[in-house]
Amino acid sequence: MKRSFFAALFVYLSFTAATAQIFPVDTANLNNAYKRLASEGHTAKTEMEFLDAYPTTWLEFYMTYTPVYDDGHQNMMCEMCSEHISTLFSLSCINDTVFCKKIVNLTVGMKDSGECTSVYQDYLVGYVLSQEELVLNYLSKLRKGHQMQFWQFCWSTVTECSRAEHFKELYNRNKNIYPELMEISRTAFEYFYDGINYPNLLPHKEEAYSRKFINRDYKLIYNDYEK
């Protein structure tokens, strides 16, 4: 009885330890969706496939685009980052509310970790200003901690730039409509605009990159784009 119990416990712990090292980021699906969108054009179907395949959280974004030494596939993903982001913000057939939720949820918790997040941040600020009613309405329904995380990334800079004017415009237009949300935004701006160092965010190598070639069925794929 004891032997079978400890055997079962060993199997469980072994499985837990193994699966804890794998984070399923489906880079093959994202690449294929991007190629279909480029070859077939922007339709409701191709755009939704790309949106669904695009990272949903900051962790997925980071694991998708962060380069890895001696890893041709992952470095290639890093090189595709700007094109993917540009494509993401050019989607025009997606329901506005669906797209807004995707962007806000992706941004919550995001950290400045290099060129990819810098490109994303530029597009994000433009999106917030152009769709501020939609963004602020959805964001105001989230927990205050998530609101702070969103604004923290939105306003984070290492030097002074035109983002200060963007903040002032947004704040003045909405401080009476969303007073609590705008106060959180103001606090985030105060601490993170011209208030951070250059990124130095690197995870533990063994844990962070064990997930690179896992598709949506949790099966390994080969180390290259699908042809």
Protein backbone atom coordinates (compact mmCIF):
# COMPACT_ATOMS: atom_id res chain seq x y z
CA MET A 1 0.00 0.00 0.00
CA LYS A 2 2.75 2.41 1.00
CA ARG A 3 4.82 1.41 -2.01
CA SER A 4 1.97 2.14 -4.45
CA PHE A 5 1.28 5.49 -2.74
CA PHE A 6 4.88 6.64 -3.02
CA ALA A 7 5.10 5.39 -6.58
CA ALA A 8 2.04 7.42 -7.52
CA LEU A 9 3.43 10.45 -5.71
CA PHE A 10 6.73 10.12 -7.56
CA VAL A 11 4.95 9.99 -10.93
CA TYR A 12 2.85 13.04 -10.04
CA LEU A 13 5.84 15.10 -8.90
CA SER A 14 7.86 14.07 -11.95
CA PHE A 15 5.02 15.10 -14.24
CA THR A 16 4.59 18.42 -12.44
CA ALA A 17 8.29 19.20 -12.61
CA ALA A 18 8.41 18.38 -16.30
CA THR A 19 5.32 20.30 -17.32
CA ALA A 20 6.33 23.33 -15.26
CA GLN A 21 9.20 23.91 -17.67
CA ILE A 22 6.96 24.08 -20.76
CA PHE A 23 4.98 27.17 -21.77
CA PRO A 24 2.93 26.52 -24.92
CA VAL A 25 3.62 29.39 -27.33
CA ASP A 26 2.49 28.42 -30.82
CA THR A 27 4.93 30.30 -33.02
CA ALA A 28 4.12 28.09 -36.02
CA ASN A 29 0.45 29.05 -35.86
CA LEU A 30 1.32 32.75 -35.61
CA ASN A 31 3.68 32.56 -38.58
CA ASN A 32 1.16 30.69 -40.71
CA ALA A 33 -1.62 33.15 -39.83
CA TYR A 34 0.68 36.04 -40.74
CA LYS A 35 1.57 34.47 -44.08
CA ARG A 36 -2.10 33.77 -44.91
CA LEU A 37 -2.99 37.36 -44.12
CA ALA A 38 -0.18 38.61 -46.35
CA SER A 39 -0.99 36.28 -49.25
CA GLU A 40 -4.81 36.24 -49.12
CA GLY A 41 -5.35 39.84 -48.01
CA HIS A 42 -7.26 41.39 -45.14
CA THR A 43 -10.58 39.64 -44.65
CA ALA A 44 -12.61 38.99 -41.51
CA LYS A 45 -11.36 35.38 -41.56
CA THR A 46 -7.64 36.02 -42.09
CA GLU A 47 -7.59 38.89 -39.61
CA MET A 48 -9.32 36.90 -36.90
CA GLU A 49 -6.95 33.98 -37.44
CA PHE A 50 -4.00 36.35 -36.95
CA LEU A 51 -5.56 38.00 -33.91
CA ASP A 52 -6.30 34.64 -32.31
CA ALA A 53 -2.74 33.44 -32.98
CA TYR A 54 -1.14 36.62 -31.65
CA PRO A 55 0.12 36.56 -28.03
CA THR A 56 -2.63 37.25 -25.51
CA THR A 57 -0.50 38.06 -22.47
CA TRP A 58 2.79 39.84 -21.83
CA LEU A 59 4.46 36.55 -20.94
CA GLU A 60 3.42 35.01 -24.26
CA PHE A 61 4.64 38.13 -26.09
CA TYR A 62 7.99 37.99 -24.31
CA MET A 63 8.48 34.29 -24.96
CA THR A 64 7.48 34.67 -28.61
CA TYR A 65 9.86 37.48 -29.56
CA THR A 66 12.82 37.41 -27.18
CA PRO A 67 15.94 36.24 -29.05
CA VAL A 68 17.89 33.21 -27.90
CA TYR A 69 21.59 32.65 -28.45
CA ASP A 70 22.34 30.10 -31.18
CA ASP A 71 18.67 29.69 -32.02
CA GLY A 72 17.88 30.60 -35.61
CA HIS A 73 14.12 30.18 -35.28
CA GLN A 74 13.71 32.34 -32.21
CA ASN A 75 16.03 35.04 -33.55
CA MET A 76 13.94 35.03 -36.72
CA MET A 77 10.83 35.57 -34.58
CA CYS A 78 12.52 38.59 -33.02
CA GLU A 79 13.22 39.99 -36.49
CA MET A 80 9.55 39.54 -37.42
CA CYS A 81 8.33 41.38 -34.33
CA SER A 82 7.97 44.84 -35.90
CA GLU A 83 6.10 43.47 -38.93
CA HIS A 84 3.77 41.47 -36.70
CA ILE A 85 3.03 44.50 -34.51
CA SER A 86 2.43 46.72 -37.52
CA THR A 87 0.05 44.10 -38.89
CA LEU A 88 -1.72 43.76 -35.55
CA PHE A 89 -2.55 47.45 -35.39
CA SER A 90 -3.58 47.56 -39.07
CA LEU A 91 -6.40 45.04 -38.62
CA SER A 92 -9.60 46.70 -39.83
CA CYS A 93 -12.16 43.91 -40.06
CA ILE A 94 -12.14 43.01 -36.36
CA ASN A 95 -14.91 44.13 -34.03
CA ASP A 96 -13.65 47.20 -32.15
CA THR A 97 -14.54 45.82 -28.72
CA VAL A 98 -12.87 42.47 -29.40
CA PHE A 99 -9.71 44.20 -30.59
CA CYS A 100 -9.69 46.59 -27.63
CA LYS A 101 -9.88 43.74 -25.13
CA LYS A 102 -7.01 41.97 -26.89
CA ILE A 103 -4.76 45.04 -26.74
CA VAL A 104 -5.57 46.03 -23.16
CA ASN A 105 -5.19 42.49 -21.82
CA LEU A 106 -1.91 42.06 -23.69
CA THR A 107 -0.56 45.35 -22.33
CA VAL A 108 -1.42 44.73 -18.67
CA GLY A 109 1.83 43.73 -16.96
CA MET A 110 4.03 44.39 -19.99
CA LYS A 111 7.60 45.47 -19.26
CA ASP A 112 10.05 47.40 -21.41
CA SER A 113 12.41 44.66 -22.53
CA GLY A 114 13.94 45.96 -25.73
CA GLU A 115 13.13 46.88 -29.30
CA CYS A 116 9.95 44.81 -29.66
CA THR A 117 8.22 46.35 -26.67
CA SER A 118 9.38 49.82 -27.75
CA VAL A 119 7.73 49.34 -31.14
CA TYR A 120 4.60 48.00 -29.48
CA GLN A 121 4.52 50.94 -27.08
CA ASP A 122 4.58 53.48 -29.91
CA TYR A 123 1.62 51.80 -31.59
CA LEU A 124 -0.17 51.42 -28.26
CA VAL A 125 -0.06 55.13 -27.38
CA GLY A 126 -1.40 56.00 -30.83
CA TYR A 127 -4.17 53.46 -30.42
CA VAL A 128 -5.16 54.74 -26.98
CA LEU A 129 -5.39 58.31 -28.28
CA SER A 130 -7.41 57.34 -31.36
CA GLN A 131 -9.77 54.99 -29.50
CA GLU A 132 -9.69 56.54 -26.05
CA GLU A 133 -13.42 56.23 -25.29
CA LEU A 134 -13.38 52.52 -26.07
CA VAL A 135 -10.09 51.87 -24.25
CA LEU A 136 -10.94 53.88 -21.14
CA ASN A 137 -14.38 52.36 -20.84
CA TYR A 138 -12.98 48.82 -20.89
CA LEU A 139 -9.96 49.66 -18.76
CA SER A 140 -12.10 51.35 -16.09
CA LYS A 141 -13.84 48.02 -15.45
CA LEU A 142 -10.59 46.24 -14.59
CA ARG A 143 -9.07 46.03 -11.13
CA LYS A 144 -7.05 49.07 -10.10
CA GLY A 145 -3.82 47.09 -10.03
CA HIS A 146 -4.32 46.10 -13.67
CA GLN A 147 -5.13 49.69 -14.56
CA MET A 148 -1.84 50.77 -12.99
CA GLN A 149 0.06 48.07 -14.88
CA PHE A 150 -1.46 49.26 -18.15
CA TRP A 151 -0.58 52.92 -17.58
CA GLN A 152 2.83 52.04 -16.20
CA PHE A 153 3.84 50.51 -19.51
CA CYS A 154 1.99 53.10 -21.59
CA TRP A 155 3.92 56.04 -20.11
CA SER A 156 7.28 54.38 -19.32
CA THR A 157 10.23 56.15 -20.93
CA VAL A 158 13.95 56.43 -20.27
CA THR A 159 14.10 60.02 -21.54
CA GLU A 160 11.75 62.93 -22.06
CA CYS A 161 9.72 62.80 -25.27
CA SER A 162 6.43 63.82 -26.87
CA ARG A 163 4.61 61.24 -24.74
CA ALA A 164 4.26 63.92 -22.07
CA GLU A 165 1.99 65.90 -24.39
CA HIS A 166 -0.03 62.78 -25.16
CA PHE A 167 -0.56 62.20 -21.46
CA LYS A 168 -1.65 65.78 -20.82
CA GLU A 169 -4.14 65.68 -23.70
CA LEU A 170 -5.64 62.41 -22.56
CA TYR A 171 -5.73 63.44 -18.91
CA ASN A 172 -7.37 66.83 -19.50
CA ARG A 173 -10.04 65.38 -21.76
CA ASN A 174 -11.02 62.58 -19.38
CA LYS A 175 -10.22 63.62 -15.81
CA ASN A 176 -13.87 64.47 -15.12
CA ILE A 177 -15.27 61.46 -17.00
CA TYR A 178 -13.00 58.80 -15.46
CA PRO A 179 -11.57 60.53 -12.37
CA GLU A 180 -10.22 57.37 -10.64
CA LEU A 181 -8.76 55.92 -13.82
CA MET A 182 -7.13 59.22 -14.74
CA GLU A 183 -5.67 59.59 -11.26
CA ILE A 184 -4.07 56.16 -11.64
CA SER A 185 -2.80 57.22 -15.06
CA ARG A 186 -1.39 60.43 -13.58
CA THR A 187 0.42 58.52 -10.83
CA ALA A 188 1.89 56.08 -13.35
CA PHE A 189 3.04 58.97 -15.51
CA GLU A 190 4.64 60.69 -12.53
CA TYR A 191 6.72 57.64 -11.63
CA PHE A 192 7.47 56.00 -14.97
CA TYR A 193 7.73 58.79 -17.54
CA ASP A 194 11.46 59.56 -17.73
CA GLY A 195 11.73 57.41 -14.63
CA ILE A 196 13.14 54.05 -15.68
CA ASN A 197 16.53 52.74 -16.76
CA TYR A 198 17.32 50.98 -20.01
CA PRO A 199 15.87 47.46 -19.99
CA ASN A 200 17.77 44.73 -18.22
CA LEU A 201 15.13 42.02 -18.18
CA LEU A 202 16.38 38.52 -18.84
CA PRO A 203 14.73 35.44 -17.36
CA HIS A 204 16.46 32.25 -16.31
CA LYS A 205 17.58 30.78 -19.60
CA GLU A 206 16.73 27.14 -18.91
CA GLU A 207 13.16 27.87 -17.85
CA ALA A 208 12.31 30.66 -20.24
CA TYR A 209 13.16 28.96 -23.50
CA SER A 210 12.02 25.39 -23.00
CA ARG A 211 8.70 26.26 -24.65
CA LYS A 212 9.80 27.54 -28.04
CA PHE A 213 8.53 24.85 -30.32
CA ILE A 214 5.27 23.81 -28.77
CA ASN A 215 2.13 24.07 -30.88
CA ARG A 216 -1.48 24.31 -29.79
CA ASP A 217 -1.71 20.53 -29.46
CA TYR A 218 1.29 20.52 -27.12
CA LYS A 219 3.40 18.72 -29.72
CA LEU A 220 6.92 19.62 -30.72
CA ILE A 221 7.40 21.21 -34.13
CA TYR A 222 10.58 21.54 -36.12
CA ASN A 223 13.00 24.40 -35.70
CA ASP A 224 11.96 26.56 -38.63
CA TYR A 225 9.00 28.29 -40.21
CA GLU A 226 6.49 25.95 -41.78
CA LYS A 227 6.76 26.07 -45.55
